[in-house]
Amino acid sequence: MAEAIEVFTLGGARASGLDDVTGSLTPGRSADFVVLDRDPFRTADLAATRVLETWFAGRRVFRR
């Protein structure tokens, strides 16, 4: 799970050459992230995980 999350976050930013501005929650970088209804590291039913909020550039752009 940790490897998959890294590939789709920091790995994607690195591949795009944008890892200096996005890809991880670090001060000074774009705050792009989702809020899930459960901890993906502690669920047996990952497919049932729902996105509650999506944030882009530090602003909420979706809320369930």
PDB file of N, CA and C in Angstrom:
ATOM      1  N   MET A   1       0.820  -1.183   0.000  1.00  0.00           N
ATOM      2  CA  MET A   1       0.000   0.000   0.000  1.00  0.00           C
ATOM      3  C   MET A   1       0.874   1.262   0.000  1.00  0.00           C
ATOM      4  N   ALA A   2       1.882   1.294   0.828  1.00  0.00           N
ATOM      5  CA  ALA A   2       2.750   2.472   0.899  1.00  0.00           C
ATOM      6  C   ALA A   2       3.420   2.735  -0.446  1.00  0.00           C
ATOM      7  N   GLU A   3       3.869   1.672  -1.088  1.00  0.00           N
ATOM      8  CA  GLU A   3       4.525   1.828  -2.391  1.00  0.00           C
ATOM      9  C   GLU A   3       3.539   2.344  -3.439  1.00  0.00           C
ATOM     10  N   ALA A   4       2.328   1.828  -3.433  1.00  0.00           N
ATOM     11  CA  ALA A   4       1.319   2.272  -4.397  1.00  0.00           C
ATOM     12  C   ALA A   4       0.989   3.745  -4.202  1.00  0.00           C
ATOM     13  N   ILE A   5       0.838   4.177  -2.965  1.00  0.00           N
ATOM     14  CA  ILE A   5       0.535   5.582  -2.702  1.00  0.00           C
ATOM     15  C   ILE A   5       1.690   6.471  -3.151  1.00  0.00           C
ATOM     16  N   GLU A   6       2.911   6.053  -2.881  1.00  0.00           N
ATOM     17  CA  GLU A   6       4.063   6.847  -3.309  1.00  0.00           C
ATOM     18  C   GLU A   6       4.154   6.944  -4.828  1.00  0.00           C
ATOM     19  N   VAL A   7       3.880   5.850  -5.512  1.00  0.00           N
ATOM     20  CA  VAL A   7       3.938   5.852  -6.978  1.00  0.00           C
ATOM     21  C   VAL A   7       2.944   6.859  -7.552  1.00  0.00           C
ATOM     22  N   PHE A   8       1.746   6.919  -6.979  1.00  0.00           N
ATOM     23  CA  PHE A   8       0.709   7.795  -7.521  1.00  0.00           C
ATOM     24  C   PHE A   8       0.780   9.224  -6.997  1.00  0.00           C
ATOM     25  N   THR A   9       1.646   9.506  -6.053  1.00  0.00           N
ATOM     26  CA  THR A   9       1.762  10.869  -5.518  1.00  0.00           C
ATOM     27  C   THR A   9       3.128  11.448  -5.880  1.00  0.00           C
ATOM     28  N   LEU A  10       4.113  11.190  -5.076  1.00  0.00           N
ATOM     29  CA  LEU A  10       5.445  11.732  -5.308  1.00  0.00           C
ATOM     30  C   LEU A  10       6.057  11.172  -6.593  1.00  0.00           C
ATOM     31  N   GLY A  11       5.817   9.905  -6.876  1.00  0.00           N
ATOM     32  CA  GLY A  11       6.346   9.305  -8.099  1.00  0.00           C
ATOM     33  C   GLY A  11       5.791   9.969  -9.344  1.00  0.00           C
ATOM     34  N   GLY A  12       4.490  10.242  -9.339  1.00  0.00           N
ATOM     35  CA  GLY A  12       3.869  10.930 -10.470  1.00  0.00           C
ATOM     36  C   GLY A  12       4.401  12.344 -10.640  1.00  0.00           C
ATOM     37  N   ALA A  13       4.607  13.027  -9.519  1.00  0.00           N
ATOM     38  CA  ALA A  13       5.154  14.385  -9.567  1.00  0.00           C
ATOM     39  C   ALA A  13       6.583  14.360 -10.108  1.00  0.00           C
ATOM     40  N   ARG A  14       7.370  13.391  -9.679  1.00  0.00           N
ATOM     41  CA  ARG A  14       8.747  13.272 -10.182  1.00  0.00           C
ATOM     42  C   ARG A  14       8.758  12.997 -11.682  1.00  0.00           C
ATOM     43  N   ALA A  15       7.900  12.082 -12.121  1.00  0.00           N
ATOM     44  CA  ALA A  15       7.848  11.727 -13.539  1.00  0.00           C
ATOM     45  C   ALA A  15       7.455  12.917 -14.399  1.00  0.00           C
ATOM     46  N   SER A  16       6.666  13.821 -13.828  1.00  0.00           N
ATOM     47  CA  SER A  16       6.225  15.018 -14.548  1.00  0.00           C
ATOM     48  C   SER A  16       7.186  16.183 -14.387  1.00  0.00           C
ATOM     49  N   GLY A  17       8.218  16.004 -13.570  1.00  0.00           N
ATOM     50  CA  GLY A  17       9.152  17.082 -13.313  1.00  0.00           C
ATOM     51  C   GLY A  17       8.584  18.157 -12.407  1.00  0.00           C
ATOM     52  N   LEU A  18       7.562  17.795 -11.616  1.00  0.00           N
ATOM     53  CA  LEU A  18       6.896  18.764 -10.749  1.00  0.00           C
ATOM     54  C   LEU A  18       7.101  18.488  -9.266  1.00  0.00           C
ATOM     55  N   ASP A  19       8.050  17.620  -8.935  1.00  0.00           N
ATOM     56  CA  ASP A  19       8.222  17.239  -7.540  1.00  0.00           C
ATOM     57  C   ASP A  19       8.734  18.368  -6.648  1.00  0.00           C
ATOM     58  N   ASP A  20       9.114  19.500  -7.249  1.00  0.00           N
ATOM     59  CA  ASP A  20       9.510  20.639  -6.430  1.00  0.00           C
ATOM     60  C   ASP A  20       8.304  21.489  -6.018  1.00  0.00           C
ATOM     61  N   VAL A  21       7.124  21.221  -6.612  1.00  0.00           N
ATOM     62  CA  VAL A  21       5.933  21.997  -6.269  1.00  0.00           C
ATOM     63  C   VAL A  21       4.753  21.156  -5.805  1.00  0.00           C
ATOM     64  N   THR A  22       4.790  19.848  -6.028  1.00  0.00           N
ATOM     65  CA  THR A  22       3.663  18.989  -5.655  1.00  0.00           C
ATOM     66  C   THR A  22       4.150  17.561  -5.412  1.00  0.00           C
ATOM     67  N   GLY A  23       3.259  16.693  -4.986  1.00  0.00           N
ATOM     68  CA  GLY A  23       3.597  15.287  -4.800  1.00  0.00           C
ATOM     69  C   GLY A  23       3.696  14.849  -3.354  1.00  0.00           C
ATOM     70  N   SER A  24       3.848  15.805  -2.442  1.00  0.00           N
ATOM     71  CA  SER A  24       3.871  15.481  -1.019  1.00  0.00           C
ATOM     72  C   SER A  24       3.356  16.676  -0.229  1.00  0.00           C
ATOM     73  N   LEU A  25       2.834  16.407   0.945  1.00  0.00           N
ATOM     74  CA  LEU A  25       2.342  17.493   1.800  1.00  0.00           C
ATOM     75  C   LEU A  25       3.520  18.090   2.548  1.00  0.00           C
ATOM     76  N   THR A  26       4.074  19.117   1.952  1.00  0.00           N
ATOM     77  CA  THR A  26       5.266  19.785   2.456  1.00  0.00           C
ATOM     78  C   THR A  26       5.016  21.288   2.403  1.00  0.00           C
ATOM     79  N   PRO A  27       5.413  22.042   3.431  1.00  0.00           N
ATOM     80  CA  PRO A  27       5.228  23.507   3.377  1.00  0.00           C
ATOM     81  C   PRO A  27       5.807  24.100   2.098  1.00  0.00           C
ATOM     82  N   GLY A  28       5.016  24.959   1.462  1.00  0.00           N
ATOM     83  CA  GLY A  28       5.440  25.618   0.239  1.00  0.00           C
ATOM     84  C   GLY A  28       5.030  24.906  -1.038  1.00  0.00           C
ATOM     85  N   ARG A  29       4.534  23.680  -0.917  1.00  0.00           N
ATOM     86  CA  ARG A  29       4.080  22.941  -2.097  1.00  0.00           C
ATOM     87  C   ARG A  29       2.569  23.016  -2.212  1.00  0.00           C
ATOM     88  N   SER A  30       2.066  22.721  -3.397  1.00  0.00           N
ATOM     89  CA  SER A  30       0.633  22.720  -3.632  1.00  0.00           C
ATOM     90  C   SER A  30      -0.023  21.629  -2.789  1.00  0.00           C
ATOM     91  N   ALA A  31      -1.070  22.001  -2.047  1.00  0.00           N
ATOM     92  CA  ALA A  31      -1.745  21.038  -1.181  1.00  0.00           C
ATOM     93  C   ALA A  31      -2.862  20.353  -1.959  1.00  0.00           C
ATOM     94  N   ASP A  32      -2.524  19.265  -2.638  1.00  0.00           N
ATOM     95  CA  ASP A  32      -3.482  18.464  -3.396  1.00  0.00           C
ATOM     96  C   ASP A  32      -3.608  17.120  -2.689  1.00  0.00           C
ATOM     97  N   PHE A  33      -4.820  16.807  -2.194  1.00  0.00           N
ATOM     98  CA  PHE A  33      -4.999  15.562  -1.461  1.00  0.00           C
ATOM     99  C   PHE A  33      -6.468  15.194  -1.375  1.00  0.00           C
ATOM    100  N   VAL A  34      -6.735  13.968  -0.941  1.00  0.00           N
ATOM    101  CA  VAL A  34      -8.104  13.509  -0.711  1.00  0.00           C
ATOM    102  C   VAL A  34      -8.255  13.124   0.752  1.00  0.00           C
ATOM    103  N   VAL A  35      -9.492  13.201   1.235  1.00  0.00           N
ATOM    104  CA  VAL A  35      -9.848  12.724   2.571  1.00  0.00           C
ATOM    105  C   VAL A  35     -10.729  11.501   2.348  1.00  0.00           C
ATOM    106  N   LEU A  36     -10.312  10.374   2.912  1.00  0.00           N
ATOM    107  CA  LEU A  36     -11.027   9.111   2.731  1.00  0.00           C
ATOM    108  C   LEU A  36     -11.888   8.793   3.940  1.00  0.00           C
ATOM    109  N   ASP A  37     -12.853   7.889   3.759  1.00  0.00           N
ATOM    110  CA  ASP A  37     -13.737   7.513   4.864  1.00  0.00           C
ATOM    111  C   ASP A  37     -13.141   6.429   5.753  1.00  0.00           C
ATOM    112  N   ARG A  38     -11.951   5.937   5.418  1.00  0.00           N
ATOM    113  CA  ARG A  38     -11.284   4.926   6.243  1.00  0.00           C
ATOM    114  C   ARG A  38      -9.787   4.955   5.963  1.00  0.00           C
ATOM    115  N   ASP A  39      -9.038   4.352   6.825  1.00  0.00           N
ATOM    116  CA  ASP A  39      -7.585   4.258   6.671  1.00  0.00           C
ATOM    117  C   ASP A  39      -7.279   3.138   5.675  1.00  0.00           C
ATOM    118  N   PRO A  40      -6.724   3.446   4.517  1.00  0.00           N
ATOM    119  CA  PRO A  40      -6.478   2.399   3.521  1.00  0.00           C
ATOM    120  C   PRO A  40      -5.460   1.357   3.972  1.00  0.00           C
ATOM    121  N   PHE A  41      -4.668   1.681   4.977  1.00  0.00           N
ATOM    122  CA  PHE A  41      -3.695   0.726   5.498  1.00  0.00           C
ATOM    123  C   PHE A  41      -4.331  -0.273   6.461  1.00  0.00           C
ATOM    124  N   ARG A  42      -5.566  -0.003   6.912  1.00  0.00           N
ATOM    125  CA  ARG A  42      -6.195  -0.847   7.935  1.00  0.00           C
ATOM    126  C   ARG A  42      -7.526  -1.441   7.515  1.00  0.00           C
ATOM    127  N   THR A  43      -7.798  -1.469   6.232  1.00  0.00           N
ATOM    128  CA  THR A  43      -9.067  -2.032   5.784  1.00  0.00           C
ATOM    129  C   THR A  43      -8.832  -3.276   4.939  1.00  0.00           C
ATOM    130  N   ALA A  44      -9.725  -4.230   5.087  1.00  0.00           N
ATOM    131  CA  ALA A  44      -9.661  -5.438   4.261  1.00  0.00           C
ATOM    132  C   ALA A  44     -10.433  -5.227   2.962  1.00  0.00           C
ATOM    133  N   ASP A  45     -11.273  -4.191   2.926  1.00  0.00           N
ATOM    134  CA  ASP A  45     -12.110  -3.930   1.761  1.00  0.00           C
ATOM    135  C   ASP A  45     -11.750  -2.575   1.150  1.00  0.00           C
ATOM    136  N   LEU A  46     -10.582  -2.505   0.565  1.00  0.00           N
ATOM    137  CA  LEU A  46     -10.090  -1.258  -0.008  1.00  0.00           C
ATOM    138  C   LEU A  46     -11.023  -0.723  -1.094  1.00  0.00           C
ATOM    139  N   ALA A  47     -11.635  -1.612  -1.865  1.00  0.00           N
ATOM    140  CA  ALA A  47     -12.518  -1.190  -2.953  1.00  0.00           C
ATOM    141  C   ALA A  47     -13.739  -0.426  -2.450  1.00  0.00           C
ATOM    142  N   ALA A  48     -14.119  -0.616  -1.201  1.00  0.00           N
ATOM    143  CA  ALA A  48     -15.282   0.080  -0.635  1.00  0.00           C
ATOM    144  C   ALA A  48     -14.928   1.461  -0.089  1.00  0.00           C
ATOM    145  N   THR A  49     -13.655   1.824  -0.117  1.00  0.00           N
ATOM    146  CA  THR A  49     -13.217   3.122   0.386  1.00  0.00           C
ATOM    147  C   THR A  49     -13.803   4.234  -0.464  1.00  0.00           C
ATOM    148  N   ARG A  50     -14.350   5.257   0.213  1.00  0.00           N
ATOM    149  CA  ARG A  50     -14.970   6.382  -0.491  1.00  0.00           C
ATOM    150  C   ARG A  50     -14.199   7.665  -0.218  1.00  0.00           C
ATOM    151  N   VAL A  51     -14.150   8.498  -1.222  1.00  0.00           N
ATOM    152  CA  VAL A  51     -13.543   9.827  -1.081  1.00  0.00           C
ATOM    153  C   VAL A  51     -14.587  10.756  -0.469  1.00  0.00           C
ATOM    154  N   LEU A  52     -14.227  11.408   0.638  1.00  0.00           N
ATOM    155  CA  LEU A  52     -15.120  12.359   1.288  1.00  0.00           C
ATOM    156  C   LEU A  52     -14.873  13.787   0.811  1.00  0.00           C
ATOM    157  N   GLU A  53     -13.607  14.116   0.587  1.00  0.00           N
ATOM    158  CA  GLU A  53     -13.242  15.447   0.115  1.00  0.00           C
ATOM    159  C   GLU A  53     -12.042  15.349  -0.818  1.00  0.00           C
ATOM    160  N   THR A  54     -11.970  16.281  -1.760  1.00  0.00           N
ATOM    161  CA  THR A  54     -10.799  16.438  -2.619  1.00  0.00           C
ATOM    162  C   THR A  54     -10.344  17.885  -2.502  1.00  0.00           C
ATOM    163  N   TRP A  55      -9.044  18.065  -2.299  1.00  0.00           N
ATOM    164  CA  TRP A  55      -8.448  19.394  -2.169  1.00  0.00           C
ATOM    165  C   TRP A  55      -7.446  19.597  -3.283  1.00  0.00           C
ATOM    166  N   PHE A  56      -7.455  20.791  -3.871  1.00  0.00           N
ATOM    167  CA  PHE A  56      -6.528  21.143  -4.943  1.00  0.00           C
ATOM    168  C   PHE A  56      -5.995  22.543  -4.662  1.00  0.00           C
ATOM    169  N   ALA A  57      -4.668  22.674  -4.664  1.00  0.00           N
ATOM    170  CA  ALA A  57      -4.017  23.950  -4.411  1.00  0.00           C
ATOM    171  C   ALA A  57      -4.489  24.569  -3.092  1.00  0.00           C
ATOM    172  N   GLY A  58      -4.735  23.711  -2.110  1.00  0.00           N
ATOM    173  CA  GLY A  58      -5.106  24.181  -0.779  1.00  0.00           C
ATOM    174  C   GLY A  58      -6.569  24.559  -0.624  1.00  0.00           C
ATOM    175  N   ARG A  59      -7.401  24.287  -1.643  1.00  0.00           N
ATOM    176  CA  ARG A  59      -8.824  24.612  -1.563  1.00  0.00           C
ATOM    177  C   ARG A  59      -9.653  23.354  -1.789  1.00  0.00           C
ATOM    178  N   ARG A  60     -10.723  23.210  -1.014  1.00  0.00           N
ATOM    179  CA  ARG A  60     -11.601  22.063  -1.208  1.00  0.00           C
ATOM    180  C   ARG A  60     -12.387  22.259  -2.505  1.00  0.00           C
ATOM    181  N   VAL A  61     -12.320  21.259  -3.382  1.00  0.00           N
ATOM    182  CA  VAL A  61     -13.023  21.322  -4.652  1.00  0.00           C
ATOM    183  C   VAL A  61     -14.138  20.276  -4.764  1.00  0.00           C
ATOM    184  N   PHE A  62     -14.202  19.371  -3.787  1.00  0.00           N
ATOM    185  CA  PHE A  62     -15.273  18.368  -3.748  1.00  0.00           C
ATOM    186  C   PHE A  62     -15.548  18.003  -2.305  1.00  0.00           C
ATOM    187  N   ARG A  63     -16.826  17.854  -1.990  1.00  0.00           N
ATOM    188  CA  ARG A  63     -17.223  17.377  -0.657  1.00  0.00           C
ATOM    189  C   ARG A  63     -18.442  16.496  -0.810  1.00  0.00           C
ATOM    190  N   ARG A  64     -18.364  15.267  -0.286  1.00  0.00           N
ATOM    191  CA  ARG A  64     -19.483  14.337  -0.374  1.00  0.00           C
ATOM    192  C   ARG A  64     -20.535  14.735   0.633  1.00  0.00           C
TER     193      ARG A  64
END
